[in-house]
N, C-alpha and C. Protein backbone atom coordinates (compact mmCIF):
# COMPACT_ATOMS: atom_id res chain seq x y z
N MET A 1 0.83 -1.19 0.00
CA MET A 1 0.00 0.00 0.00
C MET A 1 0.88 1.25 0.00
N ARG A 2 0.39 2.25 -0.67
CA ARG A 2 1.08 3.54 -0.70
C ARG A 2 0.67 4.37 0.51
N ILE A 3 1.56 5.26 0.93
CA ILE A 3 1.29 6.18 2.02
C ILE A 3 1.29 7.60 1.45
N LEU A 4 0.19 8.32 1.67
CA LEU A 4 0.08 9.72 1.25
C LEU A 4 -0.11 10.58 2.49
N TYR A 5 0.43 11.77 2.47
CA TYR A 5 0.39 12.66 3.63
C TYR A 5 -0.45 13.89 3.35
N HIS A 6 -1.51 14.05 4.10
CA HIS A 6 -2.36 15.25 4.02
C HIS A 6 -1.59 16.42 4.64
N GLU A 7 -1.88 17.60 4.20
CA GLU A 7 -1.20 18.80 4.72
C GLU A 7 -1.36 18.93 6.24
N ASN A 8 -2.54 18.61 6.76
CA ASN A 8 -2.77 18.66 8.21
C ASN A 8 -1.82 17.72 8.96
N PHE A 9 -1.57 16.55 8.37
CA PHE A 9 -0.65 15.59 8.99
C PHE A 9 0.76 16.19 9.05
N LYS A 10 1.19 16.75 7.94
CA LYS A 10 2.52 17.36 7.90
C LYS A 10 2.65 18.47 8.93
N ASN A 11 1.62 19.28 9.07
CA ASN A 11 1.65 20.38 10.04
C ASN A 11 1.67 19.86 11.48
N SER A 12 0.99 18.76 11.73
CA SER A 12 0.95 18.23 13.10
C SER A 12 2.28 17.62 13.54
N LEU A 13 3.17 17.34 12.61
CA LEU A 13 4.48 16.78 12.96
C LEU A 13 5.37 17.77 13.70
N TYR A 14 5.16 19.05 13.47
CA TYR A 14 6.02 20.07 14.07
C TYR A 14 5.98 20.07 15.59
N ASN A 15 4.88 19.66 16.17
CA ASN A 15 4.72 19.69 17.62
C ASN A 15 5.18 18.41 18.31
N LEU A 16 5.66 17.44 17.55
CA LEU A 16 6.06 16.16 18.12
C LEU A 16 7.54 16.15 18.50
N SER A 17 7.86 15.43 19.56
CA SER A 17 9.26 15.25 19.94
C SER A 17 9.93 14.30 18.94
N ASP A 18 11.25 14.29 18.94
CA ASP A 18 11.98 13.39 18.04
C ASP A 18 11.68 11.92 18.35
N ILE A 19 11.51 11.61 19.63
CA ILE A 19 11.20 10.24 20.03
C ILE A 19 9.84 9.82 19.48
N THR A 20 8.86 10.69 19.59
CA THR A 20 7.52 10.38 19.07
C THR A 20 7.53 10.26 17.56
N LYS A 21 8.30 11.11 16.90
CA LYS A 21 8.42 11.01 15.43
C LYS A 21 9.02 9.67 15.01
N LYS A 22 10.00 9.21 15.77
CA LYS A 22 10.62 7.92 15.47
C LYS A 22 9.61 6.79 15.65
N LYS A 23 8.83 6.84 16.71
CA LYS A 23 7.78 5.84 16.94
C LYS A 23 6.74 5.88 15.83
N LEU A 24 6.36 7.08 15.44
CA LEU A 24 5.38 7.25 14.37
C LEU A 24 5.88 6.65 13.07
N LYS A 25 7.13 6.88 12.75
CA LYS A 25 7.71 6.34 11.53
C LYS A 25 7.62 4.81 11.53
N LYS A 26 7.93 4.19 12.66
CA LYS A 26 7.85 2.74 12.78
C LYS A 26 6.42 2.26 12.58
N GLN A 27 5.46 2.96 13.18
CA GLN A 27 4.06 2.56 13.06
C GLN A 27 3.55 2.72 11.62
N ILE A 28 4.03 3.75 10.92
CA ILE A 28 3.64 3.93 9.52
C ILE A 28 4.19 2.79 8.67
N GLU A 29 5.39 2.32 8.99
CA GLU A 29 5.95 1.17 8.27
C GLU A 29 5.08 -0.06 8.49
N TYR A 30 4.62 -0.27 9.74
CA TYR A 30 3.72 -1.38 10.01
C TYR A 30 2.43 -1.23 9.23
N LEU A 31 1.89 -0.02 9.20
CA LEU A 31 0.65 0.24 8.47
C LEU A 31 0.80 -0.10 7.00
N SER A 32 1.91 0.29 6.39
CA SER A 32 2.08 0.05 4.96
C SER A 32 2.14 -1.44 4.62
N SER A 33 2.54 -2.26 5.60
CA SER A 33 2.61 -3.69 5.32
C SER A 33 1.37 -4.45 5.79
N ASP A 34 0.74 -4.00 6.90
CA ASP A 34 -0.43 -4.73 7.42
C ASP A 34 -1.21 -3.86 8.40
N VAL A 35 -2.38 -3.41 8.00
CA VAL A 35 -3.21 -2.56 8.85
C VAL A 35 -3.62 -3.28 10.14
N ARG A 36 -3.55 -4.60 10.14
CA ARG A 36 -3.94 -5.38 11.32
C ARG A 36 -2.76 -5.67 12.25
N HIS A 37 -1.61 -5.05 12.02
CA HIS A 37 -0.47 -5.28 12.89
C HIS A 37 -0.89 -4.98 14.34
N PRO A 38 -0.57 -5.87 15.28
CA PRO A 38 -1.06 -5.72 16.66
C PRO A 38 -0.68 -4.42 17.35
N SER A 39 0.51 -3.88 17.09
CA SER A 39 0.90 -2.66 17.81
C SER A 39 0.15 -1.43 17.33
N LEU A 40 -0.45 -1.49 16.14
CA LEU A 40 -1.22 -0.36 15.63
C LEU A 40 -2.55 -0.21 16.37
N ARG A 41 -3.16 -1.32 16.70
CA ARG A 41 -4.50 -1.33 17.29
C ARG A 41 -5.46 -0.48 16.46
N ALA A 42 -5.35 -0.61 15.14
CA ALA A 42 -6.15 0.20 14.21
C ALA A 42 -7.63 -0.15 14.34
N LYS A 43 -8.45 0.89 14.30
CA LYS A 43 -9.91 0.70 14.36
C LYS A 43 -10.58 1.87 13.66
N LYS A 44 -11.82 1.62 13.25
CA LYS A 44 -12.62 2.69 12.65
C LYS A 44 -12.89 3.74 13.72
N PHE A 45 -12.58 4.97 13.41
CA PHE A 45 -12.80 6.08 14.33
C PHE A 45 -14.10 6.79 14.02
N ASN A 46 -14.34 7.01 12.72
CA ASN A 46 -15.55 7.70 12.28
C ASN A 46 -16.09 6.95 11.07
N GLU A 47 -17.11 6.16 11.30
CA GLU A 47 -17.68 5.31 10.26
C GLU A 47 -18.21 6.11 9.08
N SER A 48 -18.91 7.20 9.34
CA SER A 48 -19.55 7.96 8.26
C SER A 48 -18.53 8.65 7.34
N GLN A 49 -17.38 9.04 7.89
CA GLN A 49 -16.35 9.68 7.08
C GLN A 49 -15.23 8.73 6.70
N ASP A 50 -15.35 7.46 7.09
CA ASP A 50 -14.37 6.42 6.79
C ASP A 50 -12.96 6.81 7.29
N ILE A 51 -12.89 7.26 8.53
CA ILE A 51 -11.63 7.64 9.15
C ILE A 51 -11.24 6.58 10.17
N TRP A 52 -9.98 6.18 10.11
CA TRP A 52 -9.43 5.18 11.01
C TRP A 52 -8.49 5.84 12.01
N GLN A 53 -8.30 5.15 13.14
CA GLN A 53 -7.36 5.61 14.17
C GLN A 53 -6.37 4.48 14.43
N ALA A 54 -5.09 4.85 14.62
CA ALA A 54 -4.07 3.87 14.99
C ALA A 54 -3.16 4.45 16.05
N ARG A 55 -2.54 3.58 16.80
CA ARG A 55 -1.74 3.97 17.95
C ARG A 55 -0.29 4.26 17.55
N VAL A 56 0.24 5.37 18.07
CA VAL A 56 1.67 5.64 17.98
C VAL A 56 2.32 5.10 19.26
N ASP A 57 1.80 5.55 20.39
CA ASP A 57 2.19 5.06 21.71
C ASP A 57 1.03 5.36 22.65
N LYS A 58 1.25 5.27 23.96
CA LYS A 58 0.12 5.47 24.87
C LYS A 58 -0.41 6.90 24.86
N ASN A 59 0.38 7.85 24.35
CA ASN A 59 -0.02 9.25 24.37
C ASN A 59 -0.48 9.83 23.03
N PHE A 60 -0.17 9.17 21.93
CA PHE A 60 -0.47 9.74 20.61
C PHE A 60 -1.17 8.73 19.72
N ARG A 61 -2.06 9.25 18.88
CA ARG A 61 -2.76 8.47 17.87
C ARG A 61 -2.63 9.20 16.53
N PHE A 62 -2.66 8.41 15.45
CA PHE A 62 -2.73 9.04 14.14
C PHE A 62 -3.98 8.56 13.43
N TYR A 63 -4.47 9.40 12.54
CA TYR A 63 -5.74 9.17 11.87
C TYR A 63 -5.49 9.09 10.37
N PHE A 64 -6.19 8.18 9.72
CA PHE A 64 -5.98 7.97 8.29
C PHE A 64 -7.26 7.49 7.64
N SER A 65 -7.28 7.61 6.33
CA SER A 65 -8.37 7.04 5.55
C SER A 65 -7.75 6.14 4.49
N ILE A 66 -8.58 5.30 3.91
CA ILE A 66 -8.12 4.37 2.90
C ILE A 66 -8.81 4.71 1.59
N ASP A 67 -7.99 4.90 0.55
CA ASP A 67 -8.53 5.22 -0.78
C ASP A 67 -7.84 4.31 -1.79
N GLY A 68 -8.53 3.26 -2.20
CA GLY A 68 -7.94 2.31 -3.14
C GLY A 68 -6.74 1.62 -2.54
N ASP A 69 -5.58 1.82 -3.16
CA ASP A 69 -4.35 1.20 -2.68
C ASP A 69 -3.49 2.16 -1.86
N ALA A 70 -4.11 3.18 -1.28
CA ALA A 70 -3.36 4.19 -0.54
C ALA A 70 -3.96 4.46 0.84
N TYR A 71 -3.08 4.63 1.79
CA TYR A 71 -3.47 5.14 3.10
C TYR A 71 -3.17 6.63 3.09
N ILE A 72 -4.15 7.43 3.41
CA ILE A 72 -3.97 8.88 3.46
C ILE A 72 -3.90 9.28 4.93
N LEU A 73 -2.71 9.68 5.37
CA LEU A 73 -2.50 10.07 6.76
C LEU A 73 -3.04 11.47 6.95
N LEU A 74 -3.98 11.62 7.87
CA LEU A 74 -4.72 12.87 8.03
C LEU A 74 -4.18 13.74 9.15
N GLU A 75 -3.85 13.12 10.29
CA GLU A 75 -3.45 13.92 11.45
C GLU A 75 -2.83 13.01 12.50
N VAL A 76 -1.95 13.56 13.29
CA VAL A 76 -1.42 12.88 14.47
C VAL A 76 -1.62 13.84 15.64
N LYS A 77 -2.16 13.31 16.75
CA LYS A 77 -2.42 14.22 17.87
C LYS A 77 -2.39 13.48 19.20
N HIS A 78 -2.31 14.26 20.25
CA HIS A 78 -2.28 13.73 21.61
C HIS A 78 -3.59 13.01 21.89
N HIS A 79 -3.47 11.86 22.54
CA HIS A 79 -4.65 11.06 22.87
C HIS A 79 -5.07 11.33 24.31
N PRO A 80 -6.25 11.88 24.51
CA PRO A 80 -6.70 12.13 25.89
C PRO A 80 -7.00 10.82 26.60
N LYS A 81 -6.71 10.78 27.85
CA LYS A 81 -6.93 9.54 28.62
C LYS A 81 -8.19 9.59 29.40
């Protein structure tokens, strides 16, 4: 699967620490090979808009949609507990 980056996703990277960016990169690699990878814990976030959520770590989640053979990364943000 291809990975595409929405402008909002690119903008949200500026607020992340280097450690979180490294974790995110690893999770994106898992996503590109298998959306069901256990560490992603990917699930539908918004059924009507076809938006998915996946885990970066215990504090951050990233959001994406699926369009054909591409994952479109929409945003990464702090996950409220």
